[in-house]
Amino acid sequence: MPAFALRPVTPEDGDFLLAVFRASHPEYEMLPVGEEQKRQLIGMQFQLQTSDYRARYPESRHEIIEVDGKPAGRIWVAGTDYEIRILDVGLLPEVRNRGVGTALAAPILAEARACGKPVASSVLKANAGSLRWHQRLGFRLKSEDQFYFYLECPASVD
């Protein structure tokens, strides 16, 4: 597994975060619109997501994942009174499937077990890779809607 580190997101990370968002949402690439419209739509969706997470989870941790000293992704985690929620985790394609995501999840799951809280997450139904990753970590389907699976990893693993 490559060496990785976390650091807080800074205002200078905006372009990089947008690139991670785009790489993590390939469904936008299938839209039957021109590249400029696609770019604008993706930017708007990214801003909406960012604003929503900041408003709903003001005490959350939003961090850049660095692999071998270079920005490679982001993770956004929020703790509440009743759960730890992985709001978003995204890795650039070139660092996926190298163990980074699993290594990132380990301390989150350990923290949740230590405080007796489940870990919640959601996965776009079209993102089979993310769903497999969550299932390998012990997440179970809690509910679903038209677009998302809502998953939970219990505080204690059976």
Foldseek 3Di string as FASTA:
>chain_A
DFDKDKDADDPVCVVVQLVQQCQQCVVLVPDPDDPVVSSVVSVVVSVVLVVVCCVVAVPKGWIFMATPRHGFWIWIWHDDPAAIEGEDTTGHPVCPPVCPVVVVCVVVLVVLLVVQHKYKYKDFPVCPVVVVVCVVVQWDFPDDDPTITIIIHGSDHD
